[in-house]
């Protein structure tokens, strides 16, 4: 997908609706390549590429976690910080159903179901971040303040 025109996804529509200045970045998606592949393709630190993870609590209530590409989510830490017993990743089909996106192309913007969003607090300190634009092989670059303004995420400290 690295050649051609960027897609107009639901995420792009949300960014346009909020009049956010963003850049479009297409790259060749690799299955299970994750942020390592996209950061290399864009020539940016993996720490600045943000993962959108669809998870669920012990009652199967979905939630989104935004995490640095080079870090993992401490699910026990997250559960304690948000006041639930357990948090675990959703299986891909369930994640797709909640988000309306395909795993590997999940954006936090314009999800099918409204879900609480939790963001690793240090993401807000980045000068610029790159996050999925709603399709595999497509990231958008924007200011962390714009992510905060649109999503109103709850900051958490759960990176491991």
Protein backbone atom coordinates (compact mmCIF):
# COMPACT_ATOMS: atom_id res chain seq x y z
CA UNK A 1 0.00 0.00 0.00
CA UNK A 2 3.01 2.32 0.01
CA UNK A 3 2.18 3.67 -3.43
CA UNK A 4 -0.90 5.61 -4.35
CA UNK A 5 -3.34 7.83 -2.57
CA UNK A 6 -4.13 7.64 1.13
CA UNK A 7 -7.56 6.16 1.91
CA UNK A 8 -10.40 8.22 3.33
CA UNK A 9 -11.25 6.14 6.39
CA UNK A 10 -13.61 6.87 9.26
CA UNK A 11 -10.54 8.00 11.23
CA UNK A 12 -9.63 10.51 8.51
CA UNK A 13 -13.21 11.80 8.51
CA UNK A 14 -13.03 12.37 12.27
CA UNK A 15 -9.72 14.23 11.96
CA UNK A 16 -11.14 16.41 9.17
CA UNK A 17 -14.32 17.06 11.17
CA UNK A 18 -12.17 18.33 14.07
CA UNK A 19 -10.02 20.38 11.66
CA UNK A 20 -6.85 18.63 12.82
CA UNK A 21 -3.64 19.18 10.89
CA UNK A 22 -2.18 15.77 10.16
CA UNK A 23 0.14 14.09 7.70
CA UNK A 24 -0.60 10.86 5.81
CA UNK A 25 1.96 8.06 5.68
CA UNK A 26 1.54 4.95 3.55
CA UNK A 27 3.88 1.98 3.94
CA UNK A 28 4.02 -1.68 2.96
CA UNK A 29 2.15 -3.52 5.71
CA UNK A 30 3.69 -6.76 6.97
CA UNK A 31 1.52 -9.22 8.88
CA UNK A 32 2.75 -9.33 12.49
CA UNK A 33 5.36 -6.65 11.67
CA UNK A 34 3.82 -4.14 14.05
CA UNK A 35 5.33 -0.80 14.90
CA UNK A 36 8.84 -2.06 14.15
CA UNK A 37 7.97 -2.20 10.43
CA UNK A 38 6.02 1.06 10.30
CA UNK A 39 8.64 3.05 12.24
CA UNK A 40 11.39 1.77 9.97
CA UNK A 41 9.35 2.57 6.84
CA UNK A 42 8.58 6.10 8.06
CA UNK A 43 12.08 6.70 9.43
CA UNK A 44 10.79 7.66 12.89
CA UNK A 45 11.56 6.25 16.35
CA UNK A 46 9.36 3.29 17.27
CA UNK A 47 8.64 5.08 20.56
CA UNK A 48 6.70 7.73 18.55
CA UNK A 49 4.55 5.16 16.72
CA UNK A 50 1.50 4.58 18.90
CA UNK A 51 -0.34 1.25 19.08
CA UNK A 52 -4.13 1.21 19.39
CA UNK A 53 -4.99 -1.87 21.44
CA UNK A 54 -8.55 -3.11 21.95
CA UNK A 55 -8.82 -4.85 25.31
CA UNK A 56 -11.59 -5.94 27.66
CA UNK A 57 -12.18 -6.20 31.37
CA UNK A 58 -13.44 -9.24 33.27
CA UNK A 59 -17.02 -8.38 32.25
CA UNK A 60 -16.02 -8.32 28.55
CA UNK A 61 -16.48 -4.52 28.43
CA UNK A 62 -14.19 -3.20 25.68
CA UNK A 63 -11.64 -0.43 26.11
CA UNK A 64 -8.83 1.10 24.08
CA UNK A 65 -5.26 1.50 25.26
CA UNK A 66 -2.80 3.75 23.42
CA UNK A 67 0.80 2.65 23.96
CA UNK A 68 4.26 3.50 22.62
CA UNK A 69 5.28 1.08 19.89
CA UNK A 70 8.41 -0.02 21.76
CA UNK A 71 6.58 -0.73 25.01
CA UNK A 72 3.98 -3.24 26.23
CA UNK A 73 0.93 -2.79 28.43
CA UNK A 74 1.24 -4.11 31.97
CA UNK A 75 -2.32 -5.49 32.13
CA UNK A 76 -2.19 -5.96 35.91
CA UNK A 77 -1.06 -2.35 36.35
CA UNK A 78 -3.82 -1.20 34.02
CA UNK A 79 -6.50 -3.19 35.85
CA UNK A 80 -5.45 -1.66 39.19
CA UNK A 81 -5.32 1.88 37.78
CA UNK A 82 -8.78 1.70 36.19
CA UNK A 83 -10.41 -0.18 39.08
CA UNK A 84 -11.22 -3.55 37.52
CA UNK A 85 -10.15 -7.07 38.44
CA UNK A 86 -8.65 -8.06 35.10
CA UNK A 87 -7.81 -6.66 31.66
CA UNK A 88 -6.87 -8.76 28.66
CA UNK A 89 -6.50 -8.21 24.91
CA UNK A 90 -9.59 -8.97 22.84
CA UNK A 91 -9.24 -11.72 20.26
CA UNK A 92 -8.91 -10.24 16.75
CA UNK A 93 -12.53 -10.91 15.67
CA UNK A 94 -13.91 -9.31 18.82
CA UNK A 95 -11.54 -6.35 18.48
CA UNK A 96 -12.64 -5.87 14.86
CA UNK A 97 -16.29 -5.99 15.89
CA UNK A 98 -15.85 -3.34 18.62
CA UNK A 99 -13.66 -0.99 16.59
CA UNK A 100 -15.07 -1.41 13.10
CA UNK A 101 -11.47 -1.71 11.88
CA UNK A 102 -9.32 -4.71 11.01
CA UNK A 103 -6.60 -5.61 13.54
CA UNK A 104 -3.37 -4.14 12.18
CA UNK A 105 -5.37 -1.15 10.94
CA UNK A 106 -7.18 -0.15 14.14
CA UNK A 107 -7.44 3.58 14.75
CA UNK A 108 -8.74 5.10 17.98
CA UNK A 109 -10.63 7.69 15.91
CA UNK A 110 -14.11 6.88 14.62
CA UNK A 111 -14.55 3.48 16.25
CA UNK A 112 -17.80 1.63 15.65
CA UNK A 113 -18.54 1.33 19.38
CA UNK A 114 -17.84 4.06 21.92
CA UNK A 115 -15.17 2.79 24.28
CA UNK A 116 -13.20 4.39 27.10
CA UNK A 117 -9.69 5.32 25.96
CA UNK A 118 -6.64 5.03 28.19
CA UNK A 119 -3.35 6.56 27.06
CA UNK A 120 0.12 5.97 28.44
CA UNK A 121 0.76 9.37 30.05
CA UNK A 122 4.19 9.93 28.47
CA UNK A 123 2.64 9.90 24.97
CA UNK A 124 1.39 13.44 25.65
CA UNK A 125 5.04 14.59 25.96
CA UNK A 126 6.04 13.50 22.45
CA UNK A 127 6.71 16.27 19.94
CA UNK A 128 4.71 14.35 17.31
CA UNK A 129 3.18 10.90 17.13
CA UNK A 130 2.20 8.47 14.39
CA UNK A 131 -0.95 6.42 14.85
CA UNK A 132 -3.03 4.15 12.67
CA UNK A 133 -5.26 5.97 10.21
CA UNK A 134 -7.83 3.17 9.96
CA UNK A 135 -6.29 0.82 7.42
CA UNK A 136 -3.34 -1.54 7.37
CA UNK A 137 -0.29 0.24 5.97
CA UNK A 138 -1.60 3.74 6.75
CA UNK A 139 -0.51 5.97 9.63
CA UNK A 140 -1.32 9.58 10.36
CA UNK A 141 1.12 11.95 12.02
CA UNK A 142 -0.24 14.55 14.42
CA UNK A 143 0.35 16.43 17.64
CA UNK A 144 -0.41 14.56 20.87
CA UNK A 145 -2.57 17.53 21.96
CA UNK A 146 -4.93 16.77 19.06
CA UNK A 147 -5.29 13.15 20.20
CA UNK A 148 -6.11 14.40 23.70
CA UNK A 149 -8.59 17.00 22.39
CA UNK A 150 -10.51 14.48 20.25
CA UNK A 151 -10.42 11.35 22.42
CA UNK A 152 -10.19 12.82 25.97
CA UNK A 153 -8.21 9.75 27.07
CA UNK A 154 -7.57 8.89 30.69
CA UNK A 155 -3.80 9.04 31.31
CA UNK A 156 -2.29 5.90 32.83
CA UNK A 157 1.21 4.70 33.70
CA UNK A 158 1.22 1.08 32.58
CA UNK A 159 4.15 0.76 30.16
CA UNK A 160 6.48 -2.18 30.74
